[in-house]
Amino acid sequence: MTTQTVPPAPPASSAVPALAKTPPLRIFMTVLHLAGLGVIGAIVLTMLSGLLGLGLGLILVLGVGLLFLVGFVYFFYATAWFEVGRASSLYSLDLPPLRWRGSQHTGFGGWLHSLWRQLIDGRTWRAIANFVIACVMGAIVLRLFEGMIRSAIVSFAPLTGAETIRAPFPFFAAETAVSWAPLLGALGVVLAAAAIVGLALLHRVLTRAIVVPNREAELHEQVRTTSAQREGAVRAADVERTRIERDLHDGVQPRLVSVGMTLGLAQQKIDSDPDTAKALIGEAHTSTKAAITELRQLARGIHASVLDDRGLDAALSALASRSHIPVSLDVRMDGRCSRDAEAAVYFSIAESLTNAAKHSRASECRVVVRLREGGTLWARVEDNGMGGAQVQPGGGLDGISNRVLAAGGTFRLDSPQGGPTSLEVSVPCAS
């Protein structure tokens, strides 16, 4: 399995205005979040600790612990992904969702490498740290709620006829006169409410400091993303240029040379042997039409005009009709994406079908295209061939990888020996 990922450039610090002023409703929502995490946080953290403990403890027992460690990594990532989404929605931070960090290696080793990359991802750890802090704050908020309720009950103690009361908070004396009950109760309610609001405000500040990347990190990520996309675009252009040169040199050029030689022979025999010259001219005419067809196919490989005129669905329908093997096409798109995104997906599918026809010995292919939520154009090509496809420098799969990388997307190839072969690409619609 091969995965290359270029995450989208992080947004500029547009979250600061949302954090600069916290309305009462947002404080209330933060308190609810903390209370909820105070309930489920202990369960989640216990499960994480349990998976890690079982994994490390049973790792020598026939490798059973490895299964628990794998489960720990996935649960660890899921918790971090939830925390990023929670913080982003709560404070309108517009943070990019946490993405699984794939590996450029293939097979089982590539899968293990992707697990390791996710485990050491700094953004994942920051999200987990924020989750743990929020869970601790949530537990404190629940205790404060309990103290607030107890304080409210204590304030009505004179109505019970008791002579003494137990103070609701430990920093008061254990027993005091009932005449102090209304004052102590009101003071306890105010202090508990103030502490809850303070924790909500503190949670906001800590979330901004931990989860939201600083400006320097954003610029670094933007530079890294831009450099990776530029490198992919350069490699894609180089691979495409090599392909065009190869097609011209191996296909059209020899045919045009043959046409020229045939016309030369016809010119020599036009007076002495008109019938032979006529046959030669007919042969040259046939070769010329074949050369025109090859040039048209070559131009279509460089740019599909139907893609601009009628969209990706029509372009893929035309592509499937020209395929040498049967293609099952399933395209569901509610709208159009950017030209670069559609072109990247189109040429990825075209190259995949070409590879399947040339190398895989497949009898059928299936192409699925979806416009997913969040503005991502996703496509999957699967054939029932013999498998074993690998990304070779300068090859067709390398061209797909570079083109998708240049568009800011991801590329995944799964082709075990014996098949089947599946290729998935995801490209941002705004690429």
Protein backbone atom coordinates (compact mmCIF):
# COMPACT_ATOMS: atom_id res chain seq x y z
CA MET A 1 0.00 0.00 0.00
CA THR A 2 1.38 3.37 -0.98
CA THR A 3 0.14 6.62 0.43
CA GLN A 4 1.42 10.11 -0.27
CA THR A 5 -0.28 12.94 1.48
CA VAL A 6 0.05 16.68 1.29
CA PRO A 7 -2.21 18.25 3.88
CA PRO A 8 -3.92 21.47 2.94
CA ALA A 9 -2.25 24.65 4.01
CA PRO A 10 -3.45 25.63 7.47
CA PRO A 11 -5.64 28.67 7.60
CA ALA A 12 -4.35 31.96 8.77
CA SER A 13 -4.99 32.92 12.36
CA SER A 14 -8.60 33.85 11.75
CA ALA A 15 -9.45 32.19 15.06
CA VAL A 16 -8.12 35.05 17.12
CA PRO A 17 -11.20 37.28 16.71
CA ALA A 18 -13.41 34.35 17.75
CA LEU A 19 -11.33 33.82 20.85
CA ALA A 20 -10.90 37.47 21.73
CA LYS A 21 -14.43 37.78 23.04
CA THR A 22 -16.31 34.94 24.72
CA PRO A 23 -20.08 35.48 24.87
CA PRO A 24 -22.14 33.97 27.70
CA LEU A 25 -23.52 31.28 25.40
CA ARG A 26 -20.02 30.11 24.54
CA ILE A 27 -19.13 29.99 28.25
CA PHE A 28 -22.25 27.93 28.85
CA MET A 29 -21.33 25.56 26.00
CA THR A 30 -17.79 25.27 27.34
CA VAL A 31 -19.14 24.33 30.77
CA LEU A 32 -21.34 21.67 29.17
CA HIS A 33 -18.33 20.33 27.24
CA LEU A 34 -16.24 20.15 30.38
CA ALA A 35 -19.04 18.46 32.33
CA GLY A 36 -19.45 15.90 29.57
CA LEU A 37 -15.71 15.22 29.43
CA GLY A 38 -15.70 14.89 33.20
CA VAL A 39 -18.09 11.95 32.77
CA ILE A 40 -16.65 10.20 29.70
CA GLY A 41 -13.05 11.34 30.02
CA ALA A 42 -12.21 8.84 32.74
CA ILE A 43 -13.68 6.04 30.61
CA VAL A 44 -11.69 7.03 27.52
CA LEU A 45 -8.42 7.49 29.40
CA THR A 46 -8.93 4.18 31.20
CA MET A 47 -9.45 2.42 27.86
CA LEU A 48 -6.30 4.02 26.43
CA SER A 49 -4.29 3.04 29.47
CA GLY A 50 -5.73 -0.47 29.38
CA LEU A 51 -4.89 -1.01 25.72
CA LEU A 52 -1.36 0.28 26.24
CA GLY A 53 -0.84 -1.81 29.38
CA LEU A 54 -2.19 -4.99 27.80
CA GLY A 55 -0.12 -4.39 24.67
CA LEU A 56 3.12 -3.96 26.57
CA GLY A 57 2.34 -6.74 29.03
CA LEU A 58 1.35 -9.36 26.44
CA ILE A 59 3.82 -8.46 23.70
CA LEU A 60 5.91 -11.55 24.49
CA VAL A 61 2.89 -13.88 24.53
CA LEU A 62 2.85 -15.01 20.90
CA GLY A 63 2.69 -11.38 19.84
CA VAL A 64 -0.83 -10.99 21.21
CA GLY A 65 0.16 -7.66 22.70
CA LEU A 66 0.77 -6.27 19.21
CA LEU A 67 -2.95 -6.41 18.51
CA PHE A 68 -3.65 -4.33 21.60
CA LEU A 69 -0.91 -1.87 20.63
CA VAL A 70 -2.41 -1.46 17.17
CA GLY A 71 -5.80 -0.88 18.77
CA PHE A 72 -4.18 1.66 21.08
CA VAL A 73 -2.74 3.63 18.13
CA TYR A 74 -6.08 3.75 16.31
CA PHE A 75 -8.01 4.67 19.48
CA PHE A 76 -5.32 7.24 20.32
CA TYR A 77 -5.74 8.82 16.88
CA ALA A 78 -9.55 8.71 17.12
CA THR A 79 -9.46 10.50 20.47
CA ALA A 80 -7.14 13.19 19.09
CA TRP A 81 -9.32 13.57 15.98
CA PHE A 82 -12.39 14.01 18.20
CA GLU A 83 -10.63 16.59 20.35
CA VAL A 84 -9.53 18.69 17.35
CA GLY A 85 -13.07 18.66 15.97
CA ARG A 86 -14.55 19.48 19.38
CA ALA A 87 -12.24 22.43 19.99
CA SER A 88 -12.70 23.71 16.45
CA SER A 89 -16.50 23.65 16.62
CA LEU A 90 -16.68 25.02 20.16
CA TYR A 91 -14.55 28.10 19.52
CA SER A 92 -15.07 28.47 15.73
CA LEU A 93 -11.36 27.94 15.16
CA ASP A 94 -11.72 26.53 11.63
CA LEU A 95 -8.88 24.09 12.30
CA PRO A 96 -8.02 21.57 9.58
CA PRO A 97 -9.15 18.10 10.68
CA LEU A 98 -6.55 15.72 11.97
CA ARG A 99 -5.42 13.48 9.12
CA TRP A 100 -3.92 10.01 9.23
CA ARG A 101 -0.25 10.18 8.35
CA GLY A 102 0.37 7.58 5.67
CA SER A 103 3.64 6.07 4.52
CA GLN A 104 5.40 6.13 1.19
CA HIS A 105 6.41 2.49 1.69
CA THR A 106 4.30 -0.38 0.41
CA GLY A 107 2.84 -3.51 1.91
CA PHE A 108 2.82 -4.53 5.54
CA GLY A 109 5.95 -2.55 6.31
CA GLY A 110 4.31 0.59 4.97
CA TRP A 111 1.29 0.00 7.20
CA LEU A 112 3.50 -0.36 10.27
CA HIS A 113 5.39 2.76 9.27
CA SER A 114 2.13 4.69 9.01
CA LEU A 115 1.20 3.54 12.54
CA TRP A 116 4.54 4.77 13.83
CA ARG A 117 4.23 8.12 12.02
CA GLN A 118 0.82 8.67 13.54
CA LEU A 119 2.05 7.76 17.01
CA ILE A 120 4.87 10.34 16.90
CA ASP A 121 2.80 13.07 15.26
CA GLY A 122 3.13 16.23 17.34
CA ARG A 123 -0.34 17.53 16.46
CA THR A 124 -1.89 14.29 17.70
CA TRP A 125 -0.07 14.54 21.02
CA ARG A 126 -1.10 18.17 21.48
CA ALA A 127 -4.73 17.20 20.93
CA ILE A 128 -4.41 14.37 23.47
CA ALA A 129 -2.81 16.74 25.98
CA ASN A 130 -5.69 19.16 25.55
CA PHE A 131 -8.17 16.30 25.96
CA VAL A 132 -6.56 15.15 29.21
CA ILE A 133 -6.51 18.69 30.62
CA ALA A 134 -10.15 19.17 29.63
CA CYS A 135 -11.09 15.88 31.32
CA VAL A 136 -9.38 16.95 34.55
CA MET A 137 -11.14 20.31 34.39
CA GLY A 138 -14.40 18.50 33.72
CA ALA A 139 -13.99 16.40 36.84
CA ILE A 140 -13.38 19.57 38.85
CA VAL A 141 -16.44 21.22 37.28
CA LEU A 142 -18.59 18.28 38.37
CA ARG A 143 -17.33 18.60 41.92
CA LEU A 144 -18.04 22.33 41.81
CA PHE A 145 -21.57 21.62 40.63
CA GLU A 146 -21.97 19.26 43.56
CA GLY A 147 -20.68 21.95 45.92
CA MET A 148 -23.07 24.51 44.40
CA ILE A 149 -26.04 22.23 45.00
CA ARG A 150 -24.94 21.50 48.54
CA SER A 151 -24.49 25.24 49.18
CA ALA A 152 -27.98 25.96 47.88
CA ILE A 153 -29.40 23.28 50.18
CA VAL A 154 -27.45 24.60 53.17
CA SER A 155 -28.85 28.11 52.67
CA PHE A 156 -32.31 26.73 53.61
CA ALA A 157 -31.06 25.02 56.78
CA PRO A 158 -32.84 27.46 59.17
CA LEU A 159 -36.14 26.11 57.90
CA THR A 160 -35.29 22.65 59.21
CA GLY A 161 -35.00 23.75 62.83
CA ALA A 162 -31.45 22.39 63.23
CA GLU A 163 -29.06 24.19 65.62
CA THR A 164 -25.84 23.58 63.67
CA ILE A 165 -24.94 22.84 60.06
CA ARG A 166 -22.00 21.33 58.22
CA ALA A 167 -20.34 23.85 55.91
CA PRO A 168 -20.55 22.87 52.21
CA PHE A 169 -16.85 23.56 51.48
CA PRO A 170 -13.84 22.21 53.34
CA PHE A 171 -12.26 25.65 53.87
CA PHE A 172 -15.07 26.48 56.30
CA ALA A 173 -15.34 25.02 59.78
CA ALA A 174 -16.90 21.58 59.84
CA GLU A 175 -19.75 22.66 62.11
CA THR A 176 -21.19 26.18 62.47
CA ALA A 177 -24.30 27.86 63.79
CA VAL A 178 -27.42 27.60 61.67
CA SER A 179 -27.74 31.38 61.65
CA TRP A 180 -24.77 31.51 59.28
CA ALA A 181 -26.40 29.08 56.85
CA PRO A 182 -27.93 31.61 54.37
CA LEU A 183 -24.67 33.56 54.13
CA LEU A 184 -22.50 30.48 53.79
CA GLY A 185 -24.85 28.96 51.25
CA ALA A 186 -24.96 32.08 49.10
CA LEU A 187 -21.19 32.46 49.34
CA GLY A 188 -20.70 28.83 48.34
CA VAL A 189 -22.96 29.21 45.29
CA VAL A 190 -21.14 32.36 44.17
CA LEU A 191 -17.68 30.86 44.66
CA ALA A 192 -18.62 27.65 42.84
CA ALA A 193 -20.15 29.57 39.93
CA ALA A 194 -17.11 31.84 39.72
CA ALA A 195 -14.77 28.85 39.74
CA ILE A 196 -16.77 27.14 36.98
CA VAL A 197 -16.68 30.26 34.79
CA GLY A 198 -12.97 30.65 35.52
CA LEU A 199 -12.30 27.07 34.42
CA ALA A 200 -14.29 27.68 31.24
CA LEU A 201 -12.20 30.76 30.44
CA LEU A 202 -8.99 28.90 31.32
CA HIS A 203 -10.00 26.05 29.03
CA ARG A 204 -10.42 28.54 26.19
CA VAL A 205 -6.95 29.99 26.76
CA LEU A 206 -5.27 26.59 27.07
CA THR A 207 -7.04 25.26 23.97
CA ARG A 208 -5.80 28.21 21.95
CA ALA A 209 -2.28 27.71 23.26
CA ILE A 210 -2.18 23.94 22.75
CA VAL A 211 -4.37 23.05 19.78
CA VAL A 212 -4.17 26.14 17.56
CA PRO A 213 -0.81 26.21 15.73
CA ASN A 214 1.20 29.36 16.17
CA ARG A 215 1.99 31.65 13.28
CA GLU A 216 5.49 30.31 12.84
CA ALA A 217 4.21 26.73 12.64
CA GLU A 218 1.56 27.79 10.12
CA LEU A 219 4.14 29.46 7.90
CA HIS A 220 6.41 26.44 8.16
CA GLU A 221 3.55 24.13 7.18
CA GLN A 222 2.58 26.37 4.28
CA VAL A 223 6.16 26.38 3.02
CA ARG A 224 6.40 22.61 3.34
CA THR A 225 3.09 22.09 1.55
CA THR A 226 3.97 24.50 -1.25
CA SER A 227 7.40 22.93 -1.70
CA ALA A 228 5.92 19.42 -1.87
CA GLN A 229 3.28 20.51 -4.39
CA ARG A 230 5.85 22.32 -6.52
CA GLU A 231 8.14 19.30 -6.46
CA GLY A 232 5.25 17.06 -7.47
CA ALA A 233 4.28 19.42 -10.28
CA VAL A 234 7.85 19.47 -11.62
CA ARG A 235 8.10 15.68 -11.52
CA ALA A 236 4.66 15.31 -13.11
CA ALA A 237 5.64 17.68 -15.93
CA ASP A 238 8.90 15.80 -16.47
CA VAL A 239 7.14 12.42 -16.59
CA GLU A 240 4.51 13.83 -18.98
CA ARG A 241 7.18 15.32 -21.23
CA THR A 242 9.02 11.98 -21.32
CA ARG A 243 5.79 10.18 -22.21
CA ILE A 244 5.00 12.60 -25.04
CA GLU A 245 8.53 12.28 -26.41
CA ARG A 246 8.30 8.49 -26.25
CA ASP A 247 4.91 8.40 -27.97
CA LEU A 248 6.09 10.74 -30.71
CA HIS A 249 9.36 8.89 -31.21
CA ASP A 250 7.93 5.37 -31.12
CA GLY A 251 4.58 5.99 -32.81
CA VAL A 252 3.88 9.05 -34.89
CA GLN A 253 7.42 9.81 -36.06
CA PRO A 254 8.14 6.38 -37.67
CA ARG A 255 4.70 6.44 -39.31
CA LEU A 256 5.30 9.88 -40.83
CA VAL A 257 8.73 8.78 -42.03
CA SER A 258 7.08 5.77 -43.64
CA VAL A 259 4.53 8.07 -45.33
CA GLY A 260 7.34 10.22 -46.72
CA MET A 261 9.22 7.20 -48.09
CA THR A 262 6.05 5.75 -49.63
CA LEU A 263 5.23 9.03 -51.35
CA GLY A 264 8.82 9.19 -52.63
CA LEU A 265 8.47 5.74 -54.19
CA ALA A 266 5.13 6.72 -55.67
CA GLN A 267 6.69 9.82 -57.21
CA GLN A 268 9.39 7.69 -58.87
CA LYS A 269 6.86 5.25 -60.35
CA ILE A 270 4.10 7.64 -61.29
CA ASP A 271 5.26 7.76 -64.94
CA SER A 272 6.59 4.24 -65.44
CA ASP A 273 4.09 2.28 -63.34
CA PRO A 274 0.94 4.33 -62.58
CA ASP A 275 -0.90 1.40 -60.97
CA THR A 276 1.89 0.77 -58.44
CA ALA A 277 2.16 4.52 -57.77
CA LYS A 278 -1.59 4.66 -57.18
CA ALA A 279 -1.34 1.77 -54.70
CA LEU A 280 1.55 3.45 -52.90
CA ILE A 281 -0.39 6.70 -52.66
CA GLY A 282 -3.33 4.79 -51.19
CA GLU A 283 -1.00 3.17 -48.66
CA ALA A 284 0.42 6.58 -47.74
CA HIS A 285 -3.10 7.94 -47.37
CA THR A 286 -4.02 5.13 -44.97
CA SER A 287 -0.85 5.69 -42.95
CA THR A 288 -1.57 9.41 -42.82
CA LYS A 289 -5.03 8.80 -41.36
CA ALA A 290 -3.51 6.44 -38.79
CA ALA A 291 -0.95 9.10 -37.88
CA ILE A 292 -3.72 11.68 -37.48
CA THR A 293 -5.57 9.27 -35.18
CA GLU A 294 -2.43 8.77 -33.10
CA LEU A 295 -1.87 12.52 -32.88
CA ARG A 296 -5.49 13.01 -31.82
CA GLN A 297 -5.06 10.38 -29.08
CA LEU A 298 -1.82 11.99 -28.00
CA ALA A 299 -3.49 15.40 -27.80
CA ARG A 300 -6.34 13.86 -25.81
CA GLY A 301 -3.75 12.48 -23.41
CA ILE A 302 -2.33 15.97 -22.94
CA HIS A 303 -5.70 17.68 -22.50
CA ALA A 304 -9.23 16.33 -22.78
CA SER A 305 -11.37 19.11 -24.23
CA VAL A 306 -14.58 17.32 -23.21
CA LEU A 307 -13.44 17.71 -19.60
CA ASP A 308 -13.77 21.49 -19.84
CA ASP A 309 -16.87 21.45 -22.01
CA ARG A 310 -19.05 18.82 -20.34
CA GLY A 311 -17.40 17.92 -17.06
CA LEU A 312 -15.77 14.91 -15.47
CA ASP A 313 -18.75 12.55 -15.83
CA ALA A 314 -18.93 12.97 -19.61
CA ALA A 315 -15.14 12.80 -19.98
CA LEU A 316 -14.98 9.53 -18.03
CA SER A 317 -17.88 8.10 -20.04
CA ALA A 318 -15.95 8.80 -23.25
CA LEU A 319 -12.83 7.31 -21.68
CA ALA A 320 -14.65 4.14 -20.64
CA SER A 321 -16.12 3.71 -24.12
CA ARG A 322 -12.61 3.69 -25.63
CA SER A 323 -11.18 1.24 -23.09
CA HIS A 324 -9.93 -2.11 -24.37
CA ILE A 325 -11.47 -3.88 -21.37
CA PRO A 326 -15.02 -3.49 -20.02
CA VAL A 327 -15.35 -0.65 -17.52
CA SER A 328 -18.12 -0.28 -14.93
CA LEU A 329 -18.47 3.45 -14.29
CA ASP A 330 -20.19 4.93 -11.22
CA VAL A 331 -19.92 8.74 -10.99
CA ARG A 332 -21.98 10.74 -8.51
CA MET A 333 -21.24 14.44 -8.42
CA ASP A 334 -23.64 17.21 -7.48
CA GLY A 335 -21.48 19.95 -8.98
CA ARG A 336 -18.17 20.80 -10.57
CA CYS A 337 -14.73 21.04 -9.02
CA SER A 338 -11.81 23.16 -10.08
CA ARG A 339 -10.18 22.45 -13.43
CA ASP A 340 -6.97 21.21 -11.80
CA ALA A 341 -8.80 18.84 -9.47
CA GLU A 342 -10.91 17.31 -12.25
CA ALA A 343 -7.90 17.03 -14.55
CA ALA A 344 -5.85 15.26 -11.87
CA VAL A 345 -8.60 12.72 -11.22
CA TYR A 346 -9.32 12.24 -14.94
CA PHE A 347 -5.72 11.53 -15.88
CA SER A 348 -5.28 9.27 -12.86
CA ILE A 349 -8.22 7.15 -14.02
CA ALA A 350 -7.05 7.25 -17.65
CA GLU A 351 -3.55 6.07 -16.75
CA SER A 352 -4.96 3.38 -14.44
CA LEU A 353 -7.16 1.99 -17.22
CA THR A 354 -4.22 2.07 -19.61
CA ASN A 355 -2.04 0.16 -17.15
CA ALA A 356 -4.81 -2.36 -16.56
CA ALA A 357 -5.18 -2.97 -20.28
CA LYS A 358 -1.42 -3.29 -20.88
CA HIS A 359 -0.07 -5.11 -17.85
CA SER A 360 -2.67 -6.53 -15.46
CA ARG A 361 -4.40 -9.09 -17.74
CA ALA A 362 -7.67 -7.89 -16.24
CA SER A 363 -11.04 -8.77 -17.75
CA GLU A 364 -12.96 -5.91 -16.17
CA CYS A 365 -12.47 -2.65 -14.29
CA ARG A 366 -14.64 -0.67 -11.92
CA VAL A 367 -14.38 3.11 -11.56
CA VAL A 368 -16.13 4.94 -8.70
CA VAL A 369 -16.07 8.74 -8.36
CA ARG A 370 -17.66 10.73 -5.54
CA LEU A 371 -17.78 14.37 -4.53
CA ARG A 372 -17.49 14.02 -0.77
CA GLU A 373 -18.45 16.40 1.99
CA GLY A 374 -15.79 18.95 2.76
CA GLY A 375 -15.03 19.60 -0.91
CA THR A 376 -12.96 16.51 -1.76
CA LEU A 377 -13.06 14.74 -5.12
CA TRP A 378 -12.47 11.03 -4.51
CA ALA A 379 -12.00 8.28 -7.08
CA ARG A 380 -11.26 4.57 -6.95
CA VAL A 381 -10.18 2.32 -9.82
CA GLU A 382 -10.16 -1.43 -9.28
CA ASP A 383 -9.38 -4.28 -11.71
CA ASN A 384 -9.41 -8.06 -11.35
CA GLY A 385 -5.95 -8.52 -12.82
CA MET A 386 -2.89 -10.33 -11.51
CA GLY A 387 -1.72 -7.47 -9.26
CA GLY A 388 1.87 -6.75 -8.35
CA ALA A 389 1.78 -3.14 -9.57
CA GLN A 390 4.48 -0.88 -8.10
CA VAL A 391 5.40 2.76 -8.41
CA GLN A 392 8.48 2.96 -10.63
CA PRO A 393 10.32 6.25 -11.23
CA GLY A 394 9.18 7.66 -14.55
CA GLY A 395 6.35 5.14 -14.90
CA GLY A 396 2.65 5.69 -15.24
CA LEU A 397 1.90 5.24 -11.53
CA ASP A 398 4.68 7.66 -10.71
CA GLY A 399 3.02 10.17 -13.03
CA ILE A 400 -0.31 9.68 -11.22
CA SER A 401 1.36 10.15 -7.86
CA ASN A 402 3.11 13.34 -8.93
CA ARG A 403 0.04 14.83 -10.57
CA VAL A 404 -2.13 14.16 -7.51
CA LEU A 405 0.60 15.46 -5.21
CA ALA A 406 0.84 18.65 -7.24
CA ALA A 407 -2.92 19.13 -6.83
CA GLY A 408 -2.59 18.83 -3.04
CA GLY A 409 -4.21 15.41 -2.83
CA THR A 410 -3.45 11.87 -1.68
CA PHE A 411 -2.62 8.73 -3.64
CA ARG A 412 -3.07 5.15 -2.44
CA LEU A 413 -2.15 1.96 -4.28
CA ASP A 414 -3.01 -1.54 -3.11
CA SER A 415 -1.82 -4.27 -5.47
CA PRO A 416 -0.91 -7.60 -3.84
CA GLN A 417 0.45 -10.44 -5.95
CA GLY A 418 -2.46 -12.26 -7.52
CA GLY A 419 -4.66 -9.17 -7.45
CA PRO A 420 -6.88 -7.36 -7.36
CA THR A 421 -5.34 -3.94 -7.87
CA SER A 422 -7.05 -0.86 -6.50
CA LEU A 423 -5.99 2.76 -6.74
CA GLU A 424 -7.59 5.60 -4.79
CA VAL A 425 -7.02 9.32 -5.21
CA SER A 426 -8.47 12.21 -3.21
CA VAL A 427 -8.02 15.77 -4.41
CA PRO A 428 -9.35 18.99 -2.82
CA CYS A 429 -11.92 20.55 -5.11
CA ALA A 430 -10.35 23.97 -4.64
CA SER A 431 -6.90 22.80 -5.69
